[in-house]
Every structure is written in structure tokens, then in C-alpha cells.
C-alpha atoms as a PDB file:
ATOM      1  CA  MET A   1     -33.025 -28.157  31.803  1.00  0.00           C
ATOM      2  CA  LYS A   2     -34.661 -27.336  28.535  1.00  0.00           C
ATOM      3  CA  ARG A   3     -37.454 -24.877  28.748  1.00  0.00           C
ATOM      4  CA  LYS A   4     -40.764 -26.209  27.518  1.00  0.00           C
ATOM      5  CA  ILE A   5     -42.444 -24.243  24.782  1.00  0.00           C
ATOM      6  CA  SER A   6     -46.196 -24.005  24.918  1.00  0.00           C
ATOM      7  CA  GLY A   7     -48.343 -25.023  22.022  1.00  0.00           C
ATOM      8  CA  SER A   8     -49.440 -21.492  21.177  1.00  0.00           C
ATOM      9  CA  ARG A   9     -45.830 -20.317  21.282  1.00  0.00           C
ATOM     10  CA  ARG A  10     -44.742 -23.146  19.020  1.00  0.00           C
ATOM     11  CA  ARG A  11     -47.471 -22.346  16.525  1.00  0.00           C
ATOM     12  CA  PHE A  12     -46.467 -18.707  16.563  1.00  0.00           C
ATOM     13  CA  LEU A  13     -42.816 -19.601  15.849  1.00  0.00           C
ATOM     14  CA  TRP A  14     -43.779 -21.930  13.018  1.00  0.00           C
ATOM     15  CA  THR A  15     -46.042 -19.223  11.556  1.00  0.00           C
ATOM     16  CA  VAL A  16     -43.237 -16.631  11.641  1.00  0.00           C
ATOM     17  CA  ARG A  17     -40.761 -19.080  10.169  1.00  0.00           C
ATOM     18  CA  GLY A  18     -43.215 -20.071   7.448  1.00  0.00           C
ATOM     19  CA  GLY A  19     -43.842 -16.419   6.641  1.00  0.00           C
ATOM     20  CA  MET A  20     -40.121 -15.773   6.291  1.00  0.00           C
ATOM     21  CA  TYR A  21     -39.703 -18.808   4.015  1.00  0.00           C
ATOM     22  CA  PHE A  22     -42.668 -17.683   1.900  1.00  0.00           C
ATOM     23  CA  ALA A  23     -41.388 -14.125   1.601  1.00  0.00           C
ATOM     24  CA  THR A  24     -37.922 -15.383   0.578  1.00  0.00           C
ATOM     25  CA  ALA A  25     -39.328 -17.806  -1.969  1.00  0.00           C
ATOM     26  CA  LEU A  26     -41.688 -15.188  -3.430  1.00  0.00           C
ATOM     27  CA  THR A  27     -38.892 -12.618  -3.731  1.00  0.00           C
ATOM     28  CA  GLY A  28     -36.586 -15.083  -5.418  1.00  0.00           C
ATOM     29  CA  PHE A  29     -39.337 -16.261  -7.767  1.00  0.00           C
ATOM     30  CA  LEU A  30     -40.286 -12.712  -8.820  1.00  0.00           C
ATOM     31  CA  THR A  31     -36.631 -11.803  -9.407  1.00  0.00           C
ATOM     32  CA  LEU A  32     -35.929 -14.899 -11.479  1.00  0.00           C
ATOM     33  CA  PHE A  33     -39.190 -14.488 -13.385  1.00  0.00           C
ATOM     34  CA  LEU A  34     -38.387 -10.840 -14.262  1.00  0.00           C
ATOM     35  CA  VAL A  35     -34.836 -11.691 -15.376  1.00  0.00           C
ATOM     36  CA  ALA A  36     -35.909 -14.719 -17.395  1.00  0.00           C
ATOM     37  CA  TYR A  37     -38.812 -12.882 -19.038  1.00  0.00           C
ATOM     38  CA  VAL A  38     -36.681  -9.947 -20.131  1.00  0.00           C
ATOM     39  CA  LEU A  39     -33.903 -12.212 -21.473  1.00  0.00           C
ATOM     40  CA  ILE A  40     -36.307 -14.539 -23.276  1.00  0.00           C
ATOM     41  CA  GLN A  41     -38.096 -11.625 -24.937  1.00  0.00           C
ATOM     42  CA  GLY A  42     -34.948  -9.608 -25.610  1.00  0.00           C
ATOM     43  CA  ILE A  43     -32.188 -11.979 -26.712  1.00  0.00           C
ATOM     44  CA  PRO A  44     -33.942 -13.078 -29.958  1.00  0.00           C
ATOM     45  CA  ASN A  45     -34.011  -9.403 -31.026  1.00  0.00           C
ATOM     46  CA  LEU A  46     -30.261  -8.927 -30.564  1.00  0.00           C
ATOM     47  CA  SER A  47     -27.806  -9.110 -33.405  1.00  0.00           C
ATOM     48  CA  TRP A  48     -24.447  -7.657 -34.298  1.00  0.00           C
ATOM     49  CA  GLU A  49     -26.081  -5.402 -36.885  1.00  0.00           C
ATOM     50  CA  PHE A  50     -28.578  -4.179 -34.294  1.00  0.00           C
ATOM     51  CA  ILE A  51     -25.816  -3.265 -31.855  1.00  0.00           C
ATOM     52  CA  SER A  52     -23.173  -1.917 -34.231  1.00  0.00           C
ATOM     53  CA  THR A  53     -25.155   0.304 -36.607  1.00  0.00           C
ATOM     54  CA  LYS A  54     -27.121   3.485 -36.407  1.00  0.00           C
ATOM     55  CA  PRO A  55     -30.821   3.755 -37.319  1.00  0.00           C
ATOM     56  CA  SER A  56     -31.892   4.666 -40.841  1.00  0.00           C
ATOM     57  CA  TYR A  57     -35.328   6.245 -41.036  1.00  0.00           C
ATOM     58  CA  LEU A  58     -35.440   6.014 -44.853  1.00  0.00           C
ATOM     59  CA  SER A  59     -35.014   2.214 -44.905  1.00  0.00           C
ATOM     60  CA  GLY A  60     -36.692   1.551 -41.571  1.00  0.00           C
ATOM     61  CA  HIS A  61     -33.517  -0.059 -40.180  1.00  0.00           C
ATOM     62  CA  ILE A  62     -33.119   0.141 -36.385  1.00  0.00           C
ATOM     63  CA  GLY A  63     -29.707   0.296 -34.747  1.00  0.00           C
ATOM     64  CA  ILE A  64     -28.712   1.326 -31.256  1.00  0.00           C
ATOM     65  CA  LEU A  65     -25.035   2.164 -31.676  1.00  0.00           C
ATOM     66  CA  PRO A  66     -25.641   5.931 -31.092  1.00  0.00           C
ATOM     67  CA  ASP A  67     -27.556   5.144 -27.896  1.00  0.00           C
ATOM     68  CA  ILE A  68     -24.756   2.884 -26.611  1.00  0.00           C
ATOM     69  CA  LEU A  69     -22.110   5.537 -27.301  1.00  0.00           C
ATOM     70  CA  ASN A  70     -24.216   8.285 -25.729  1.00  0.00           C
ATOM     71  CA  THR A  71     -24.628   6.155 -22.623  1.00  0.00           C
ATOM     72  CA  VAL A  72     -20.868   5.737 -22.411  1.00  0.00           C
ATOM     73  CA  TYR A  73     -20.353   9.498 -22.810  1.00  0.00           C
ATOM     74  CA  ILE A  74     -22.878  10.311 -20.101  1.00  0.00           C
ATOM     75  CA  VAL A  75     -21.293   7.835 -17.690  1.00  0.00           C
ATOM     76  CA  ILE A  76     -17.770   9.158 -18.278  1.00  0.00           C
ATOM     77  CA  VAL A  77     -18.762  12.839 -17.992  1.00  0.00           C
ATOM     78  CA  THR A  78     -20.720  12.196 -14.807  1.00  0.00           C
ATOM     79  CA  LEU A  79     -17.973  10.192 -13.086  1.00  0.00           C
ATOM     80  CA  ILE A  80     -15.231  12.672 -14.056  1.00  0.00           C
ATOM     81  CA  ILE A  81     -17.110  15.418 -12.267  1.00  0.00           C
ATOM     82  CA  VAL A  82     -18.891  13.644  -9.395  1.00  0.00           C
ATOM     83  CA  ILE A  83     -16.075  11.456  -8.054  1.00  0.00           C
ATOM     84  CA  PRO A  84     -13.646  14.309  -7.169  1.00  0.00           C
ATOM     85  CA  LEU A  85     -16.497  16.394  -5.726  1.00  0.00           C
ATOM     86  CA  GLY A  86     -18.068  13.590  -3.697  1.00  0.00           C
ATOM     87  CA  VAL A  87     -14.836  12.039  -2.397  1.00  0.00           C
ATOM     88  CA  GLY A  88     -13.284  15.435  -1.673  1.00  0.00           C
ATOM     89  CA  ALA A  89     -16.348  16.632   0.228  1.00  0.00           C
ATOM     90  CA  ALA A  90     -16.512  13.410   2.229  1.00  0.00           C
ATOM     91  CA  VAL A  91     -12.829  13.633   3.190  1.00  0.00           C
ATOM     92  CA  TYR A  92     -13.248  17.233   4.322  1.00  0.00           C
ATOM     93  CA  LEU A  93     -16.396  16.543   6.337  1.00  0.00           C
ATOM     94  CA  THR A  94     -14.942  13.451   7.997  1.00  0.00           C
ATOM     95  CA  GLU A  95     -11.315  14.414   8.516  1.00  0.00           C
ATOM     96  CA  TYR A  96     -11.088  18.214   8.578  1.00  0.00           C
ATOM     97  CA  ALA A  97     -14.433  19.828   9.470  1.00  0.00           C
ATOM     98  CA  SER A  98     -14.660  20.791  13.166  1.00  0.00           C
ATOM     99  CA  ASN A  99     -18.156  22.352  13.298  1.00  0.00           C
ATOM    100  CA  LYS A 100     -20.351  19.344  14.041  1.00  0.00           C
ATOM    101  CA  LYS A 101     -23.593  21.241  13.420  1.00  0.00           C
ATOM    102  CA  ILE A 102     -22.602  22.167   9.876  1.00  0.00           C
ATOM    103  CA  VAL A 103     -21.475  18.589   9.220  1.00  0.00           C
ATOM    104  CA  ALA A 104     -24.770  17.227  10.550  1.00  0.00           C
ATOM    105  CA  ALA A 105     -26.731  19.704   8.425  1.00  0.00           C
ATOM    106  CA  ILE A 106     -24.832  18.717   5.250  1.00  0.00           C
ATOM    107  CA  GLU A 107     -25.303  15.029   5.994  1.00  0.00           C
ATOM    108  CA  TYR A 108     -29.033  15.568   6.538  1.00  0.00           C
ATOM    109  CA  ALA A 109     -29.256  17.495   3.257  1.00  0.00           C
ATOM    110  CA  ALA A 110     -27.449  14.685   1.452  1.00  0.00           C
ATOM    111  CA  GLU A 111     -29.826  12.096   2.884  1.00  0.00           C
ATOM    112  CA  ALA A 112     -32.810  14.236   1.839  1.00  0.00           C
ATOM    113  CA  LEU A 113     -31.451  14.725  -1.697  1.00  0.00           C
ATOM    114  CA  SER A 114     -30.987  10.950  -2.055  1.00  0.00           C
ATOM    115  CA  GLY A 115     -34.738  10.436  -1.673  1.00  0.00           C
ATOM    116  CA  ILE A 116     -35.897  13.072  -4.170  1.00  0.00           C
ATOM    117  CA  PRO A 117     -37.588  11.590  -7.271  1.00  0.00           C
ATOM    118  CA  SER A 118     -35.466  11.763 -10.378  1.00  0.00           C
ATOM    119  CA  ILE A 119     -38.152  13.649 -12.315  1.00  0.00           C
ATOM    120  CA  ILE A 120     -37.545  16.632 -10.038  1.00  0.00           C
ATOM    121  CA  TYR A 121     -33.838  16.530 -10.848  1.00  0.00           C
ATOM    122  CA  GLY A 122     -34.832  16.457 -14.492  1.00  0.00           C
ATOM    123  CA  LEU A 123     -37.001  19.549 -14.089  1.00  0.00           C
ATOM    124  CA  VAL A 124     -34.219  21.430 -12.301  1.00  0.00           C
ATOM    125  CA  GLY A 125     -31.679  20.309 -14.896  1.00  0.00           C
ATOM    126  CA  MET A 126     -33.963  21.443 -17.707  1.00  0.00           C
ATOM    127  CA  LEU A 127     -34.377  24.902 -16.184  1.00  0.00           C
ATOM    128  CA  VAL A 128     -30.761  25.388 -15.042  1.00  0.00           C
ATOM    129  CA  PHE A 129     -28.474  23.447 -17.345  1.00  0.00           C
ATOM    130  CA  ALA A 130     -30.536  22.912 -20.497  1.00  0.00           C
ATOM    131  CA  GLY A 131     -31.817  26.465 -20.203  1.00  0.00           C
ATOM    132  CA  SER A 132     -28.272  27.843 -20.264  1.00  0.00           C
ATOM    133  CA  ILE A 133     -26.301  25.495 -22.560  1.00  0.00           C
ATOM    134  CA  GLY A 134     -29.172  23.800 -24.381  1.00  0.00           C
ATOM    135  CA  THR A 135     -30.513  20.258 -24.453  1.00  0.00           C
ATOM    136  CA  CYS A 136     -27.362  18.186 -24.776  1.00  0.00           C
ATOM    137  CA  LEU A 137     -25.261  15.407 -23.241  1.00  0.00           C
ATOM    138  CA  MET A 138     -23.408  17.875 -21.048  1.00  0.00           C
ATOM    139  CA  ALA A 139     -26.683  19.109 -19.532  1.00  0.00           C
ATOM    140  CA  GLY A 140     -27.673  15.501 -18.855  1.00  0.00           C
ATOM    141  CA  GLY A 141     -24.304  14.714 -17.304  1.00  0.00           C
ATOM    142  CA  LEU A 142     -24.467  17.726 -14.994  1.00  0.00           C
ATOM    143  CA  THR A 143     -27.962  16.739 -13.891  1.00  0.00           C
ATOM    144  CA  LEU A 144     -26.750  13.219 -13.078  1.00  0.00           C
ATOM    145  CA  VAL A 145     -23.861  14.748 -11.131  1.00  0.00           C
ATOM    146  CA  ILE A 146     -26.333  16.409  -8.793  1.00  0.00           C
ATOM    147  CA  MET A 147     -28.282  13.153  -8.495  1.00  0.00           C
ATOM    148  CA  ASN A 148     -25.307  10.982  -7.649  1.00  0.00           C
ATOM    149  CA  LEU A 149     -23.332  13.431  -5.513  1.00  0.00           C
ATOM    150  CA  PRO A 150     -25.228  12.566  -2.278  1.00  0.00           C
ATOM    151  CA  THR A 151     -24.694   8.871  -2.913  1.00  0.00           C
ATOM    152  CA  ILE A 152     -20.934   9.203  -3.464  1.00  0.00           C
ATOM    153  CA  LEU A 153     -20.658  11.566  -0.498  1.00  0.00           C
ATOM    154  CA  ARG A 154     -22.469   9.317   1.983  1.00  0.00           C
ATOM    155  CA  ASN A 155     -20.830   6.072   0.809  1.00  0.00           C
ATOM    156  CA  THR A 156     -17.370   7.607   1.048  1.00  0.00           C
ATOM    157  CA  GLN A 157     -18.150   9.036   4.499  1.00  0.00           C
ATOM    158  CA  GLU A 158     -19.272   5.643   5.808  1.00  0.00           C
ATOM    159  CA  SER A 159     -16.139   4.025   4.314  1.00  0.00           C
ATOM    160  CA  LEU A 160     -13.876   6.629   5.976  1.00  0.00           C
ATOM    161  CA  LYS A 161     -15.500   6.003   9.335  1.00  0.00           C
ATOM    162  CA  THR A 162     -14.655   2.294   9.134  1.00  0.00           C
ATOM    163  CA  VAL A 163     -10.915   3.060   9.330  1.00  0.00           C
ATOM    164  CA  PRO A 164      -9.899   2.611  13.019  1.00  0.00           C
ATOM    165  CA  GLN A 165      -8.903   5.788  14.851  1.00  0.00           C
ATOM    166  CA  SER A 166      -5.772   4.001  16.095  1.00  0.00           C
ATOM    167  CA  TYR A 167      -4.394   4.003  12.538  1.00  0.00           C
ATOM    168  CA  ARG A 168      -4.589   7.788  12.433  1.00  0.00           C
ATOM    169  CA  GLU A 169      -3.114   8.190  15.913  1.00  0.00           C
ATOM    170  CA  GLY A 170      -0.232   5.861  15.050  1.00  0.00           C
ATOM    171  CA  ALA A 171       0.574   7.851  11.914  1.00  0.00           C
ATOM    172  CA  PHE A 172       0.413  11.131  13.833  1.00  0.00           C
ATOM    173  CA  GLY A 173       2.719   9.642  16.451  1.00  0.00           C
ATOM    174  CA  LEU A 174       5.281   8.952  13.741  1.00  0.00           C
ATOM    175  CA  GLY A 175       5.254  12.641  12.785  1.00  0.00           C
ATOM    176  CA  ALA A 176       3.058  12.495   9.676  1.00  0.00           C
ATOM    177  CA  GLY A 177       0.960  15.525   8.772  1.00  0.00           C
ATOM    178  CA  LYS A 178      -2.806  15.569   8.375  1.00  0.00           C
ATOM    179  CA  TRP A 179      -2.863  15.330   4.586  1.00  0.00           C
ATOM    180  CA  ARG A 180      -0.184  12.627   4.568  1.00  0.00           C
ATOM    181  CA  VAL A 181      -2.210  10.577   7.053  1.00  0.00           C
ATOM    182  CA  VAL A 182      -5.342  10.932   4.925  1.00  0.00           C
ATOM    183  CA  ARG A 183      -3.493  10.120   1.694  1.00  0.00           C
ATOM    184  CA  THR A 184      -1.361   7.177   2.915  1.00  0.00           C
ATOM    185  CA  VAL A 185      -3.410   5.689   5.748  1.00  0.00           C
ATOM    186  CA  VAL A 186      -7.092   6.625   5.638  1.00  0.00           C
ATOM    187  CA  LEU A 187      -7.860   6.477   1.921  1.00  0.00           C
ATOM    188  CA  PRO A 188      -6.006   3.188   1.280  1.00  0.00           C
ATOM    189  CA  GLY A 189      -7.827   1.676   4.245  1.00  0.00           C
ATOM    190  CA  CYS A 190     -11.285   2.421   2.795  1.00  0.00           C
ATOM    191  CA  VAL A 191     -10.626   2.458  -0.936  1.00  0.00           C
ATOM    192  CA  ASP A 192     -12.729  -0.690  -1.441  1.00  0.00           C
ATOM    193  CA  GLY A 193     -15.852   1.009  -0.145  1.00  0.00           C
ATOM    194  CA  VAL A 194     -15.185   4.157  -2.156  1.00  0.00           C
ATOM    195  CA  ILE A 195     -14.715   2.240  -5.412  1.00  0.00           C
ATOM    196  CA  THR A 196     -17.748   0.067  -4.709  1.00  0.00           C
ATOM    197  CA  GLY A 197     -19.880   3.145  -4.198  1.00  0.00           C
ATOM    198  CA  CYS A 198     -18.619   4.662  -7.449  1.00  0.00           C
ATOM    199  CA  ILE A 199     -19.322   1.455  -9.403  1.00  0.00           C
ATOM    200  CA  LEU A 200     -22.819   1.183  -7.982  1.00  0.00           C
ATOM    201  CA  SER A 201     -23.423   4.819  -8.990  1.00  0.00           C
ATOM    202  CA  VAL A 202     -22.725   3.761 -12.570  1.00  0.00           C
ATOM    203  CA  GLY A 203     -25.682   1.418 -12.259  1.00  0.00           C
ATOM    204  CA  ARG A 204     -27.909   4.317 -11.290  1.00  0.00           C
ATOM    205  CA  ILE A 205     -26.613   6.355 -14.192  1.00  0.00           C
ATOM    206  CA  LEU A 206     -27.348   3.530 -16.628  1.00  0.00           C
ATOM    207  CA  GLY A 207     -30.884   3.135 -15.328  1.00  0.00           C
ATOM    208  CA  GLU A 208     -31.844   6.796 -15.391  1.00  0.00           C
ATOM    209  CA  SER A 209     -34.293   7.974 -18.006  1.00  0.00           C
ATOM    210  CA  ALA A 210     -36.682  10.603 -16.554  1.00  0.00           C
ATOM    211  CA  ALA A 211     -34.013  13.218 -15.915  1.00  0.00           C
ATOM    212  CA  LEU A 212     -32.283  12.645 -19.252  1.00  0.00           C
ATOM    213  CA  LEU A 213     -35.513  13.064 -21.218  1.00  0.00           C
ATOM    214  CA  PHE A 214     -35.621  16.683 -20.079  1.00  0.00           C
ATOM    215  CA  THR A 215     -31.914  17.472 -20.391  1.00  0.00           C
ATOM    216  CA  ALA A 216     -30.092  15.249 -22.910  1.00  0.00           C
ATOM    217  CA  GLY A 217     -32.877  14.768 -25.445  1.00  0.00           C
ATOM    218  CA  PHE A 218     -34.056  11.641 -27.254  1.00  0.00           C
ATOM    219  CA  ALA A 219     -32.499  11.910 -30.722  1.00  0.00           C
ATOM    220  CA  HIS A 220     -30.971   8.666 -32.063  1.00  0.00           C
ATOM    221  CA  SER A 221     -28.052  10.483 -33.633  1.00  0.00           C
ATOM    222  CA  MET A 222     -24.317   9.872 -33.598  1.00  0.00           C
ATOM    223  CA  VAL A 223     -22.532  12.465 -31.517  1.00  0.00           C
ATOM    224  CA  ASN A 224     -19.186  13.533 -32.917  1.00  0.00           C
ATOM    225  CA  LEU A 225     -16.986  14.411 -29.921  1.00  0.00           C
ATOM    226  CA  PHE A 226     -14.225  15.827 -32.138  1.00  0.00           C
ATOM    227  CA  ARG A 227     -16.397  18.313 -33.964  1.00  0.00           C
ATOM    228  CA  GLY A 228     -15.880  21.691 -32.336  1.00  0.00           C
ATOM    229  CA  GLY A 229     -13.987  20.197 -29.403  1.00  0.00           C
ATOM    230  CA  LEU A 230     -15.093  17.975 -26.562  1.00  0.00           C
ATOM    231  CA  PHE A 231     -16.784  20.585 -24.389  1.00  0.00           C
ATOM    232  CA  ARG A 232     -17.546  23.090 -27.158  1.00  0.00           C
ATOM    233  CA  GLY A 233     -19.262  20.918 -29.736  1.00  0.00           C
ATOM    234  CA  GLY A 234     -19.317  17.179 -29.012  1.00  0.00           C
ATOM    235  CA  LEU A 235     -20.965  17.075 -25.611  1.00  0.00           C
ATOM    236  CA  LEU A 236     -23.156  20.042 -26.505  1.00  0.00           C
ATOM    237  CA  GLN A 237     -25.110  17.873 -28.951  1.00  0.00           C
ATOM    238  CA  ALA A 238     -28.367  16.182 -28.007  1.00  0.00           C
ATOM    239  CA  GLY A 239     -28.589  12.411 -27.897  1.00  0.00           C
ATOM    240  CA  SER A 240     -30.484   9.566 -26.243  1.00  0.00           C
ATOM    241  CA  THR A 241     -29.089   6.940 -23.915  1.00  0.00           C
ATOM    242  CA  LEU A 242     -30.154   3.306 -23.783  1.00  0.00           C
ATOM    243  CA  THR A 243     -32.884   3.879 -21.193  1.00  0.00           C
ATOM    244  CA  VAL A 244     -34.288   6.870 -23.065  1.00  0.00           C
ATOM    245  CA  ALA A 245     -34.187   4.890 -26.318  1.00  0.00           C
ATOM    246  CA  LEU A 246     -36.064   2.050 -24.592  1.00  0.00           C
ATOM    247  CA  TYR A 247     -38.793   4.487 -23.574  1.00  0.00           C
ATOM    248  CA  VAL A 248     -39.021   6.039 -27.020  1.00  0.00           C
ATOM    249  CA  TYR A 249     -39.189   2.730 -28.894  1.00  0.00           C
ATOM    250  CA  ALA A 250     -41.735   1.210 -26.499  1.00  0.00           C
ATOM    251  CA  LYS A 251     -43.939   4.215 -25.765  1.00  0.00           C
ATOM    252  CA  GLU A 252     -43.698   6.412 -28.830  1.00  0.00           C
ATOM    253  CA  GLN A 253     -43.062   3.938 -31.676  1.00  0.00           C
ATOM    254  CA  GLY A 254     -44.514   0.684 -30.327  1.00  0.00           C
ATOM    255  CA  GLU A 255     -41.355  -1.297 -31.137  1.00  0.00           C
ATOM    256  CA  PHE A 256     -41.563  -3.653 -28.171  1.00  0.00           C
ATOM    257  CA  GLY A 257     -39.089  -6.137 -29.655  1.00  0.00           C
ATOM    258  CA  VAL A 258     -36.447  -3.425 -29.847  1.00  0.00           C
ATOM    259  CA  ALA A 259     -37.351  -2.251 -26.347  1.00  0.00           C
ATOM    260  CA  PHE A 260     -36.890  -5.771 -24.947  1.00  0.00           C
ATOM    261  CA  GLY A 261     -33.577  -6.065 -26.758  1.00  0.00           C
ATOM    262  CA  ILE A 262     -32.339  -2.861 -25.114  1.00  0.00           C
ATOM    263  CA  ALA A 263     -33.719  -4.069 -21.758  1.00  0.00           C
ATOM    264  CA  ALA A 264     -31.704  -7.297 -22.109  1.00  0.00           C
ATOM    265  CA  ILE A 265     -28.540  -5.276 -22.745  1.00  0.00           C
ATOM    266  CA  LEU A 266     -29.212  -3.078 -19.694  1.00  0.00           C
ATOM    267  CA  LEU A 267     -29.883  -6.161 -17.575  1.00  0.00           C
ATOM    268  CA  VAL A 268     -26.571  -7.744 -18.567  1.00  0.00           C
ATOM    269  CA  LEU A 269     -24.764  -4.479 -17.876  1.00  0.00           C
ATOM    270  CA  SER A 270     -26.329  -4.262 -14.413  1.00  0.00           C
ATOM    271  CA  PHE A 271     -25.201  -7.793 -13.621  1.00  0.00           C
ATOM    272  CA  ALA A 272     -21.695  -6.988 -14.867  1.00  0.00           C
ATOM    273  CA  ILE A 273     -21.524  -3.838 -12.723  1.00  0.00           C
ATOM    274  CA  ASN A 274     -22.648  -5.697  -9.573  1.00  0.00           C
ATOM    275  CA  LEU A 275     -20.166  -8.481 -10.203  1.00  0.00           C
ATOM    276  CA  GLY A 276     -17.440  -5.892 -10.825  1.00  0.00           C
ATOM    277  CA  ALA A 277     -18.252  -4.141  -7.558  1.00  0.00           C
ATOM    278  CA  THR A 278     -18.064  -7.446  -5.667  1.00  0.00           C
ATOM    279  CA  ALA A 279     -14.765  -8.408  -7.325  1.00  0.00           C
ATOM    280  CA  VAL A 280     -13.193  -5.020  -6.622  1.00  0.00           C
ATOM    281  CA  THR A 281     -14.289  -5.159  -2.981  1.00  0.00           C
ATOM    282  CA  ARG A 282     -12.807  -8.615  -2.472  1.00  0.00           C
ATOM    283  CA  HIS A 283      -9.577  -7.641  -4.222  1.00  0.00           C
ATOM    284  CA  PHE A 284      -8.939  -4.602  -2.061  1.00  0.00           C
ATOM    285  CA  ARG A 285      -9.911  -6.395   1.130  1.00  0.00           C
ATOM    286  CA  LYS A 286      -7.398  -9.150   0.365  1.00  0.00           C
ATOM    287  CA  SER A 287      -4.774  -6.533  -0.410  1.00  0.00           C
ATOM    288  CA  ILE A 288      -5.422  -4.756   2.907  1.00  0.00           C
ATOM    289  CA  ASP A 289      -5.418  -8.021   4.882  1.00  0.00           C
ATOM    290  CA  ASN A 290      -2.124  -9.065   3.362  1.00  0.00           C
END
């Protein structure tokens, strides 16, 4: 027999359902409005000359090529350092560490560091890195390494924990050593989650501005990586990324058209990164299933 629902209970259910529908519709509307507004305001300001040239203060020409290249340099430097550190630490804590209290303390510290405002990282980076090697791209990259290390660490740990314990036991039963099991069984079984976490970290690097203002500088200048060597001259030069350039053009110079153009580029890059993360995850899941 079907249980009868009282009138007050039915009204309560309809109210909750209506609230959920309203919240979903409002969230979708705000997201679409934000995306459409940025693209409508930004796309008319984009041109090949705007993207492929550097600014000229004598003629008043504005170009963002140095900012694009500096963003690429910052992303590459950060990933080269943070991925081995984060993945290696996660593998050790999950597969090798035996002291549960130390592991719990490190995990708690990583969770706490993930919630610290980026401006604090910028202050620390300015005092530690910029104070020792100067305001430059390397100082900005090292600051972003500290910011993204907890994210890579925790994402990799959660991915490693999804690998069934029976896989490890089966490999041990066949006579494989610890490192061989980790290298041939555990890591291939969770590589989709590891790569997805790394790709999503790129999105955080692209969207960071507060920390880079203190450490990398805001000069719209072309950085020559081959002058003085990569780590002795190129990356030790100051330069602004796209997000820093957006702030400078909008806040300091009042060039809101240029700022919206940069915002449109960042929005497209964010979409591309999310789509790439989804595609990589599906690819590796299909490979594992097959």
C-alpha cells in the first residue's frame, strides 16, 4: 500500500524541490551571464596584432605577447618543480611511510596550506625568494610551487588510495618488489587522477595574480631566456603574466578594453584546461578498462 503524504509534508517537499530548482537556475544564469559578458566585452578588443606584438610606450601601442610568454614560462617552471615533489611525497606517504601520526600531521598541514589566502604566499615569496634572488620569474615560480604543492600532494594521495589493495597483494605474490609494484601497478592504476590534478593546477597558476605582483613583478617586457642562461639570466628577469597585466591595465592605466581582452583569453584558456582534464581522464580510464 502506498503511504499517504499529508498536506503539510507535501508542501514542504514542493518547497524544497522548488528551492533546489531555483538555486540551480540562478547558478546557471550567473555563470552564463559572467561568461557571455566577458566574451562580449573582450572579443572585439582582440586582434592578431594585439596578441603577437609587444607594447610600445612611445607610440602608445598595446601588445600582450610578453605577458603571454611570461605566463608560459611561469607555468613550465612551476610544473617542472612541483610535480616531482608533490607526486613523490604522495607516493612516499601512501606507500612507504609507516608512522601514521606523522602522515596524519603532514596531511593536516597540507589541508591547512590549501586554504591560506594567496596574498600571504605572495608576502612570504617576496621576503624569501624575491629577497634572495630578486623580483623575477623564478621567484614567482617558486612561490607558486609552494601554493600548488598541497594540491598536487592531496590529489595524488586520493588517487593512490583508489587503487585496490588486491592489486598490490597480487603483485607481491608474484615476487615483485615494493618499487616495482608502485611503478608498474599502483601508478598506472591512478595516473588519470594524477594527471587531472596536475592539469587543474595549471588553471590555478593561470589565475594567480596577488602572489606574482610581489614576486615576479609587473613589467611588460620581453624576457630573453637565452641571455645569461636559463636559470642565470632569463628566469631572473622580472615580467608580468596575463593576470598581472589585466590588473595593471584595469587598475593602474584604466584600459578596460585591454583588460577585458585579456580576461577573454584567460576564460578560453580555463575552458581548454578543463576540457583537457576531462579528455585525459576519459582516455586513461578507457585504457585501464581495456
